[in-house]
């Protein structure tokens, strides 16, 4: 006696792709229809001067990269176009606007009394509440007379606290550098 069987069919669509290799013969990825690049998963590979998504990674050309662990042998930082400067007007409590992820803030030369603190808001579209801001005095002022820190961070702004830790009143211009470490989108 014959039993009824259900036939199954599978449709396979073959898509032509082209492999991209480096000078050592290592496959860097596949180029599919419309020039779409597909990167292979990387394990412990080192990329030095390879091209991924039309960006050179390694050597001296900056490129955006995403990974679980990213190590640099020289430096990690921002390009020159991500850095700008701004100068306070009036006094050291005057807020400033600077919309880059790194920059230099030149303070007003208003007096800061002994042991006095002042805070000012930096309006910056590059910062979000989840970010970290690194800040330091780059130049100007009497050595060891000031401490600078971040008092708070919000979406679109951060607050800088500047304290005169000396026993003298100073009327000095300080240049304060900052850099934003973006944590969460």
Protein backbone atom coordinates (compact mmCIF):
# COMPACT_ATOMS: atom_id res chain seq x y z
CA UNK A 1 0.00 0.00 0.00
CA UNK A 2 1.42 3.42 -0.99
CA UNK A 3 1.39 6.33 1.41
CA UNK A 4 0.78 9.89 0.41
CA UNK A 5 3.88 12.05 0.69
CA UNK A 6 4.05 15.80 0.58
CA UNK A 7 6.74 17.15 -1.69
CA UNK A 8 8.68 20.18 -0.52
CA UNK A 9 10.25 22.72 -2.81
CA UNK A 10 12.89 25.26 -1.95
CA UNK A 11 13.56 28.27 -4.11
CA UNK A 12 17.15 29.46 -4.06
CA UNK A 13 18.14 32.82 -5.45
CA UNK A 14 21.77 33.05 -6.37
CA UNK A 15 23.20 36.54 -6.07
CA UNK A 16 26.50 37.28 -7.80
CA UNK A 17 29.15 38.66 -5.47
CA UNK A 18 32.76 39.62 -5.89
CA UNK A 19 35.38 39.01 -3.22
CA UNK A 20 37.80 41.80 -2.26
CA UNK A 21 41.33 40.77 -1.21
CA UNK A 22 44.29 42.67 0.23
CA UNK A 23 47.88 42.37 -1.03
CA UNK A 24 48.48 39.35 1.22
CA UNK A 25 45.54 37.49 -0.29
CA UNK A 26 43.28 37.82 2.75
CA UNK A 27 39.62 38.27 1.93
CA UNK A 28 38.44 41.64 3.25
CA UNK A 29 34.80 41.15 2.32
CA UNK A 30 32.29 40.66 -0.44
CA UNK A 31 30.83 43.20 -2.85
CA UNK A 32 27.24 42.39 -3.77
CA UNK A 33 24.56 43.94 -5.98
CA UNK A 34 24.67 47.73 -6.33
CA UNK A 35 28.19 47.75 -4.85
CA UNK A 36 27.05 46.95 -1.32
CA UNK A 37 30.05 45.87 0.78
CA UNK A 38 29.72 43.03 3.27
CA UNK A 39 32.46 42.80 5.90
CA UNK A 40 33.44 39.39 7.18
CA UNK A 41 33.30 38.85 10.94
CA UNK A 42 36.70 39.56 12.44
CA UNK A 43 38.20 37.57 15.26
CA UNK A 44 41.80 38.32 16.17
CA UNK A 45 42.69 39.87 12.85
CA UNK A 46 44.73 43.04 12.59
CA UNK A 47 43.68 45.53 9.94
CA UNK A 48 46.48 47.80 8.80
CA UNK A 49 45.67 50.02 5.85
CA UNK A 50 42.64 47.99 4.72
CA UNK A 51 39.54 49.53 3.20
CA UNK A 52 36.20 48.97 4.87
CA UNK A 53 33.09 50.76 3.58
CA UNK A 54 35.33 53.01 1.44
CA UNK A 55 37.28 54.22 4.49
CA UNK A 56 40.92 53.40 5.09
CA UNK A 57 41.47 51.95 8.54
CA UNK A 58 44.89 52.14 10.10
CA UNK A 59 48.00 53.92 8.89
CA UNK A 60 47.38 57.69 9.08
CA UNK A 61 43.88 58.09 7.64
CA UNK A 62 41.18 58.53 10.31
CA UNK A 63 38.08 56.39 9.88
CA UNK A 64 35.07 55.59 12.04
CA UNK A 65 35.30 52.08 13.42
CA UNK A 66 33.05 50.10 15.72
CA UNK A 67 34.12 47.14 17.76
CA UNK A 68 34.04 45.41 21.10
CA UNK A 69 37.66 46.24 21.94
CA UNK A 70 39.51 48.92 20.00
CA UNK A 71 43.17 49.55 20.79
CA UNK A 72 45.41 52.29 19.42
CA UNK A 73 49.18 52.19 19.18
CA UNK A 74 49.61 55.97 19.06
CA UNK A 75 46.57 58.13 19.72
CA UNK A 76 42.80 58.31 19.74
CA UNK A 77 41.25 61.71 19.23
CA UNK A 78 39.23 64.13 17.18
CA UNK A 79 40.06 65.64 13.81
CA UNK A 80 40.83 69.35 13.56
CA UNK A 81 37.30 70.03 12.27
CA UNK A 82 35.85 68.64 15.53
CA UNK A 83 37.74 71.25 17.60
CA UNK A 84 36.76 74.91 18.01
CA UNK A 85 37.31 77.81 20.39
CA UNK A 86 35.14 80.31 22.23
CA UNK A 87 35.84 83.27 24.54
CA UNK A 88 33.78 84.33 27.54
CA UNK A 89 32.48 87.88 27.62
CA UNK A 90 31.99 89.95 30.79
CA UNK A 91 33.05 87.61 33.64
CA UNK A 92 33.93 84.03 34.56
CA UNK A 93 30.26 83.17 35.24
CA UNK A 94 29.21 84.04 31.68
CA UNK A 95 27.98 81.04 29.71
CA UNK A 96 29.41 80.16 26.30
CA UNK A 97 28.19 78.28 23.22
CA UNK A 98 30.51 75.89 21.39
CA UNK A 99 29.01 73.04 19.36
CA UNK A 100 31.94 70.69 18.79
CA UNK A 101 32.96 67.53 20.67
CA UNK A 102 36.29 69.09 21.64
CA UNK A 103 37.45 72.65 22.10
CA UNK A 104 39.08 75.42 24.07
CA UNK A 105 37.26 77.95 26.25
CA UNK A 106 39.09 81.20 26.98
CA UNK A 107 37.77 82.72 30.21
CA UNK A 108 37.15 86.39 30.84
CA UNK A 109 39.87 88.15 32.83
CA UNK A 110 37.50 88.99 35.69
CA UNK A 111 38.81 88.62 39.21
CA UNK A 112 38.28 85.42 41.17
CA UNK A 113 38.64 85.94 44.94
CA UNK A 114 40.67 83.63 47.20
CA UNK A 115 38.89 80.28 47.74
CA UNK A 116 36.02 81.42 45.50
CA UNK A 117 34.26 79.18 42.98
CA UNK A 118 32.36 80.12 39.88
CA UNK A 119 30.25 77.99 37.55
CA UNK A 120 29.30 78.63 33.95
CA UNK A 121 27.19 76.73 31.43
CA UNK A 122 28.66 75.52 28.15
CA UNK A 123 25.87 75.11 25.61
CA UNK A 124 27.02 72.35 23.28
CA UNK A 125 24.86 70.38 20.84
CA UNK A 126 27.52 67.62 20.73
CA UNK A 127 26.96 66.51 24.34
CA UNK A 128 24.25 64.28 25.79
CA UNK A 129 23.39 63.48 29.39
CA UNK A 130 25.05 60.05 29.17
CA UNK A 131 28.41 61.40 27.99
CA UNK A 132 31.58 62.11 29.95
CA UNK A 133 33.45 65.39 29.58
CA UNK A 134 37.19 65.58 30.17
CA UNK A 135 38.35 69.07 31.12
CA UNK A 136 41.64 70.70 32.10
CA UNK A 137 43.41 74.04 32.25
CA UNK A 138 45.59 74.21 29.15
CA UNK A 139 47.31 77.54 29.73
CA UNK A 140 47.19 80.89 31.48
CA UNK A 141 46.85 81.69 35.13
CA UNK A 142 49.09 81.14 38.09
CA UNK A 143 50.32 77.58 38.46
CA UNK A 144 48.42 75.52 41.06
CA UNK A 145 45.99 78.39 41.79
CA UNK A 146 42.92 76.84 40.14
CA UNK A 147 40.93 73.63 40.01
CA UNK A 148 38.52 72.96 37.16
CA UNK A 149 35.85 70.28 36.92
CA UNK A 150 32.50 69.35 35.45
CA UNK A 151 29.61 70.05 37.81
CA UNK A 152 26.84 68.55 35.63
CA UNK A 153 26.07 67.20 32.16
CA UNK A 154 22.73 67.40 30.35
CA UNK A 155 21.48 66.97 26.80
CA UNK A 156 22.93 69.96 24.96
CA UNK A 157 25.03 71.43 27.79
CA UNK A 158 27.51 70.89 30.58
CA UNK A 159 28.45 73.07 33.55
CA UNK A 160 32.06 73.93 34.35
CA UNK A 161 33.13 74.72 37.91
CA UNK A 162 36.28 76.83 38.37
CA UNK A 163 37.74 77.33 41.84
CA UNK A 164 40.56 79.58 43.01
CA UNK A 165 42.33 77.36 45.56
CA UNK A 166 44.92 79.97 46.51
CA UNK A 167 45.00 82.68 49.18
CA UNK A 168 45.26 85.40 46.52
CA UNK A 169 42.74 87.11 44.27
CA UNK A 170 43.65 86.73 40.60
CA UNK A 171 42.48 88.58 37.51
CA UNK A 172 43.71 86.16 34.85
CA UNK A 173 42.66 84.67 31.54
CA UNK A 174 42.63 80.87 31.50
CA UNK A 175 42.34 78.58 28.50
CA UNK A 176 40.31 75.49 29.40
CA UNK A 177 40.35 72.49 27.07
CA UNK A 178 37.54 69.93 26.97
CA UNK A 179 36.78 66.71 25.09
CA UNK A 180 33.54 64.75 25.10
CA UNK A 181 33.56 60.97 25.33
CA UNK A 182 30.28 59.88 23.81
CA UNK A 183 28.84 56.97 25.78
CA UNK A 184 25.32 56.16 24.51
CA UNK A 185 23.39 57.30 21.43
